[in-house]
Amino acid sequence: MAGSAAAAMRCGCLPWGFDLGAIGVPVQIWRGLRDASVQSAHGRWLAERVPGCRRPLPEADDHATIAAGHASQAYDWLIAQATAANA
């Protein structure tokens, strides 16, 4: 776990090698409002730099519950985006 945490910290501190503003596909950044593992400022910073980013913020979820509680919504959104892009 410590290695994973260190890797996650580096992702937020080091250049990613591309311009977030150049992302041209639909993006969602999910974060539960009870998440104590990732600072809300990081998600906000990231979302502000990705054009048109959608940022769902479920109140009752934390870092451990967000995927289990909302994966189907995220997948449905992705499918809708792919369908619209291919129409």
N, C-alpha and C. Protein backbone atom coordinates (compact mmCIF):
# COMPACT_ATOMS: atom_id res chain seq x y z
N MET A 1 0.81 -1.19 0.00
CA MET A 1 0.00 0.00 0.00
C MET A 1 0.86 1.26 0.00
N ALA A 2 1.94 1.25 0.74
CA ALA A 2 2.78 2.45 0.82
C ALA A 2 3.31 2.83 -0.56
N GLY A 3 3.68 1.83 -1.35
CA GLY A 3 4.16 2.11 -2.70
C GLY A 3 3.08 2.74 -3.56
N SER A 4 1.85 2.26 -3.40
CA SER A 4 0.74 2.82 -4.15
C SER A 4 0.48 4.26 -3.75
N ALA A 5 0.54 4.54 -2.47
CA ALA A 5 0.32 5.90 -2.00
C ALA A 5 1.41 6.83 -2.52
N ALA A 6 2.64 6.35 -2.50
CA ALA A 6 3.75 7.17 -2.99
C ALA A 6 3.59 7.44 -4.48
N ALA A 7 3.18 6.44 -5.24
CA ALA A 7 2.97 6.62 -6.67
C ALA A 7 1.85 7.62 -6.94
N ALA A 8 0.79 7.53 -6.16
CA ALA A 8 -0.32 8.46 -6.32
C ALA A 8 0.12 9.89 -6.01
N MET A 9 0.93 10.05 -4.99
CA MET A 9 1.41 11.38 -4.64
C MET A 9 2.28 11.95 -5.76
N ARG A 10 3.12 11.11 -6.36
CA ARG A 10 3.98 11.58 -7.45
C ARG A 10 3.14 12.02 -8.64
N CYS A 11 2.02 11.35 -8.90
CA CYS A 11 1.17 11.71 -10.04
C CYS A 11 0.68 13.14 -9.93
N GLY A 12 0.44 13.61 -8.72
CA GLY A 12 -0.05 14.96 -8.54
C GLY A 12 1.04 16.01 -8.51
N CYS A 13 2.29 15.57 -8.38
CA CYS A 13 3.38 16.53 -8.22
C CYS A 13 4.27 16.67 -9.45
N LEU A 14 4.35 15.65 -10.23
CA LEU A 14 5.25 15.66 -11.38
C LEU A 14 4.49 15.96 -12.67
N PRO A 15 5.15 16.51 -13.66
CA PRO A 15 4.49 16.74 -14.95
C PRO A 15 3.99 15.41 -15.54
N TRP A 16 2.86 15.44 -16.16
CA TRP A 16 2.26 14.22 -16.70
C TRP A 16 2.73 13.91 -18.13
N GLY A 17 3.39 14.86 -18.77
CA GLY A 17 3.89 14.61 -20.11
C GLY A 17 2.92 15.00 -21.22
N PHE A 18 1.81 15.60 -20.87
CA PHE A 18 0.87 16.09 -21.88
C PHE A 18 0.06 17.23 -21.25
N ASP A 19 -0.56 18.02 -22.11
CA ASP A 19 -1.36 19.17 -21.67
C ASP A 19 -2.78 18.72 -21.37
N LEU A 20 -3.21 18.84 -20.12
CA LEU A 20 -4.57 18.46 -19.76
C LEU A 20 -5.60 19.24 -20.55
N GLY A 21 -5.26 20.46 -20.91
CA GLY A 21 -6.16 21.30 -21.70
C GLY A 21 -6.35 20.82 -23.13
N ALA A 22 -5.49 19.90 -23.57
CA ALA A 22 -5.59 19.38 -24.93
C ALA A 22 -6.47 18.13 -25.01
N ILE A 23 -6.97 17.67 -23.89
CA ILE A 23 -7.85 16.48 -23.90
C ILE A 23 -9.12 16.85 -24.64
N GLY A 24 -9.43 16.06 -25.64
CA GLY A 24 -10.57 16.37 -26.50
C GLY A 24 -11.68 15.34 -26.45
N VAL A 25 -11.68 14.50 -25.44
CA VAL A 25 -12.73 13.50 -25.29
C VAL A 25 -13.44 13.75 -23.95
N PRO A 26 -14.67 13.28 -23.81
CA PRO A 26 -15.39 13.48 -22.56
C PRO A 26 -14.68 12.79 -21.38
N VAL A 27 -14.64 13.49 -20.27
CA VAL A 27 -13.96 12.99 -19.07
C VAL A 27 -14.84 13.21 -17.85
N GLN A 28 -14.83 12.24 -16.96
CA GLN A 28 -15.47 12.36 -15.64
C GLN A 28 -14.41 12.16 -14.57
N ILE A 29 -14.48 12.92 -13.52
CA ILE A 29 -13.63 12.71 -12.35
C ILE A 29 -14.57 12.57 -11.16
N TRP A 30 -14.69 11.36 -10.67
CA TRP A 30 -15.58 11.07 -9.55
C TRP A 30 -14.82 11.21 -8.24
N ARG A 31 -15.49 11.78 -7.24
CA ARG A 31 -14.93 11.87 -5.90
C ARG A 31 -16.08 11.94 -4.90
N GLY A 32 -16.05 11.04 -3.93
CA GLY A 32 -17.05 11.09 -2.86
C GLY A 32 -16.70 12.22 -1.90
N LEU A 33 -17.71 12.93 -1.44
CA LEU A 33 -17.46 14.06 -0.55
C LEU A 33 -16.91 13.65 0.81
N ARG A 34 -17.01 12.37 1.15
CA ARG A 34 -16.45 11.88 2.42
C ARG A 34 -15.06 11.28 2.24
N ASP A 35 -14.46 11.48 1.09
CA ASP A 35 -13.13 10.93 0.79
C ASP A 35 -12.07 11.69 1.56
N ALA A 36 -11.41 10.99 2.49
CA ALA A 36 -10.33 11.60 3.26
C ALA A 36 -8.97 11.20 2.70
N SER A 37 -8.96 10.37 1.64
CA SER A 37 -7.70 9.89 1.06
C SER A 37 -7.13 10.83 0.02
N VAL A 38 -8.01 11.51 -0.70
CA VAL A 38 -7.59 12.43 -1.76
C VAL A 38 -8.20 13.79 -1.47
N GLN A 39 -7.37 14.79 -1.44
CA GLN A 39 -7.86 16.14 -1.15
C GLN A 39 -8.81 16.62 -2.26
N SER A 40 -9.88 17.26 -1.85
CA SER A 40 -10.83 17.78 -2.83
C SER A 40 -10.18 18.78 -3.76
N ALA A 41 -9.19 19.50 -3.27
CA ALA A 41 -8.50 20.50 -4.10
C ALA A 41 -7.82 19.85 -5.30
N HIS A 42 -7.32 18.62 -5.15
CA HIS A 42 -6.66 17.96 -6.28
C HIS A 42 -7.66 17.66 -7.38
N GLY A 43 -8.81 17.10 -7.02
CA GLY A 43 -9.83 16.82 -8.02
C GLY A 43 -10.33 18.07 -8.70
N ARG A 44 -10.51 19.13 -7.92
CA ARG A 44 -10.95 20.40 -8.47
C ARG A 44 -9.90 20.96 -9.43
N TRP A 45 -8.62 20.91 -9.03
CA TRP A 45 -7.52 21.38 -9.87
C TRP A 45 -7.51 20.63 -11.19
N LEU A 46 -7.64 19.31 -11.12
CA LEU A 46 -7.61 18.48 -12.31
C LEU A 46 -8.81 18.78 -13.21
N ALA A 47 -9.99 18.84 -12.63
CA ALA A 47 -11.20 19.09 -13.42
C ALA A 47 -11.18 20.46 -14.08
N GLU A 48 -10.59 21.45 -13.42
CA GLU A 48 -10.51 22.79 -14.00
C GLU A 48 -9.60 22.84 -15.22
N ARG A 49 -8.73 21.88 -15.37
CA ARG A 49 -7.77 21.88 -16.47
C ARG A 49 -8.17 20.98 -17.64
N VAL A 50 -9.20 20.17 -17.45
CA VAL A 50 -9.68 19.29 -18.51
C VAL A 50 -10.95 19.92 -19.09
N PRO A 51 -10.93 20.31 -20.36
CA PRO A 51 -12.09 20.97 -20.96
C PRO A 51 -13.36 20.12 -20.86
N GLY A 52 -14.43 20.74 -20.38
CA GLY A 52 -15.73 20.06 -20.33
C GLY A 52 -15.82 18.92 -19.34
N CYS A 53 -14.90 18.84 -18.42
CA CYS A 53 -14.88 17.74 -17.46
C CYS A 53 -16.16 17.71 -16.64
N ARG A 54 -16.71 16.54 -16.48
CA ARG A 54 -17.87 16.32 -15.62
C ARG A 54 -17.34 15.81 -14.28
N ARG A 55 -17.85 16.36 -13.18
CA ARG A 55 -17.29 16.04 -11.87
C ARG A 55 -18.37 15.65 -10.86
N PRO A 56 -18.87 14.42 -10.93
CA PRO A 56 -19.86 13.98 -9.95
C PRO A 56 -19.25 13.92 -8.54
N LEU A 57 -20.00 14.39 -7.55
CA LEU A 57 -19.53 14.44 -6.17
C LEU A 57 -20.58 13.85 -5.23
N PRO A 58 -20.74 12.53 -5.22
CA PRO A 58 -21.74 11.93 -4.34
C PRO A 58 -21.43 12.21 -2.86
N GLU A 59 -22.43 12.67 -2.13
CA GLU A 59 -22.25 13.07 -0.73
C GLU A 59 -21.88 11.92 0.19
N ALA A 60 -22.49 10.77 0.01
CA ALA A 60 -22.34 9.69 0.99
C ALA A 60 -21.11 8.80 0.76
N ASP A 61 -20.36 9.04 -0.30
CA ASP A 61 -19.26 8.13 -0.64
C ASP A 61 -17.91 8.65 -0.21
N ASP A 62 -17.02 7.66 0.02
CA ASP A 62 -15.62 7.96 0.32
C ASP A 62 -14.75 7.27 -0.72
N HIS A 63 -13.46 7.24 -0.48
CA HIS A 63 -12.52 6.67 -1.45
C HIS A 63 -12.79 5.19 -1.72
N ALA A 64 -13.23 4.48 -0.69
CA ALA A 64 -13.44 3.04 -0.81
C ALA A 64 -14.80 2.67 -1.40
N THR A 65 -15.79 3.53 -1.28
CA THR A 65 -17.15 3.16 -1.71
C THR A 65 -17.57 3.73 -3.05
N ILE A 66 -16.85 4.67 -3.57
CA ILE A 66 -17.30 5.37 -4.78
C ILE A 66 -17.45 4.44 -5.98
N ALA A 67 -16.49 3.58 -6.21
CA ALA A 67 -16.56 2.68 -7.37
C ALA A 67 -17.71 1.69 -7.24
N ALA A 68 -17.85 1.10 -6.07
CA ALA A 68 -18.91 0.12 -5.86
C ALA A 68 -20.29 0.76 -5.99
N GLY A 69 -20.41 1.99 -5.52
CA GLY A 69 -21.71 2.64 -5.54
C GLY A 69 -22.09 3.30 -6.84
N HIS A 70 -21.10 3.57 -7.70
CA HIS A 70 -21.40 4.38 -8.88
C HIS A 70 -20.80 3.87 -10.18
N ALA A 71 -20.22 2.68 -10.18
CA ALA A 71 -19.61 2.16 -11.40
C ALA A 71 -20.62 2.06 -12.54
N SER A 72 -21.83 1.60 -12.25
CA SER A 72 -22.81 1.45 -13.33
C SER A 72 -23.17 2.81 -13.93
N GLN A 73 -23.27 3.85 -13.11
CA GLN A 73 -23.53 5.20 -13.64
C GLN A 73 -22.38 5.67 -14.52
N ALA A 74 -21.16 5.43 -14.07
CA ALA A 74 -19.99 5.85 -14.85
C ALA A 74 -19.94 5.10 -16.18
N TYR A 75 -20.19 3.80 -16.15
CA TYR A 75 -20.18 3.01 -17.39
C TYR A 75 -21.30 3.43 -18.33
N ASP A 76 -22.49 3.69 -17.77
CA ASP A 76 -23.61 4.15 -18.61
C ASP A 76 -23.25 5.46 -19.31
N TRP A 77 -22.61 6.36 -18.58
CA TRP A 77 -22.19 7.64 -19.16
C TRP A 77 -21.18 7.43 -20.27
N LEU A 78 -20.20 6.54 -20.03
CA LEU A 78 -19.20 6.24 -21.05
C LEU A 78 -19.83 5.66 -22.31
N ILE A 79 -20.76 4.74 -22.12
CA ILE A 79 -21.45 4.13 -23.27
C ILE A 79 -22.22 5.18 -24.03
N ALA A 80 -22.90 6.08 -23.31
CA ALA A 80 -23.67 7.14 -23.98
C ALA A 80 -22.73 8.07 -24.77
N GLN A 81 -21.56 8.38 -24.20
CA GLN A 81 -20.60 9.23 -24.91
C GLN A 81 -20.09 8.54 -26.17
N ALA A 82 -19.76 7.26 -26.06
CA ALA A 82 -19.25 6.51 -27.22
C ALA A 82 -20.33 6.38 -28.30
N THR A 83 -21.56 6.14 -27.88
CA THR A 83 -22.66 6.01 -28.83
C THR A 83 -22.88 7.32 -29.57
N ALA A 84 -22.87 8.43 -28.83
CA ALA A 84 -23.07 9.74 -29.45
C ALA A 84 -21.93 10.08 -30.41
N ALA A 85 -20.72 9.72 -30.05
CA ALA A 85 -19.56 10.01 -30.89
C ALA A 85 -19.57 9.21 -32.19
N ASN A 86 -20.20 8.05 -32.16
CA ASN A 86 -20.24 7.17 -33.33
C ASN A 86 -21.53 7.30 -34.13
N ALA A 87 -22.40 8.20 -33.71
CA ALA A 87 -23.71 8.35 -34.41
C ALA A 87 -23.55 9.12 -35.70
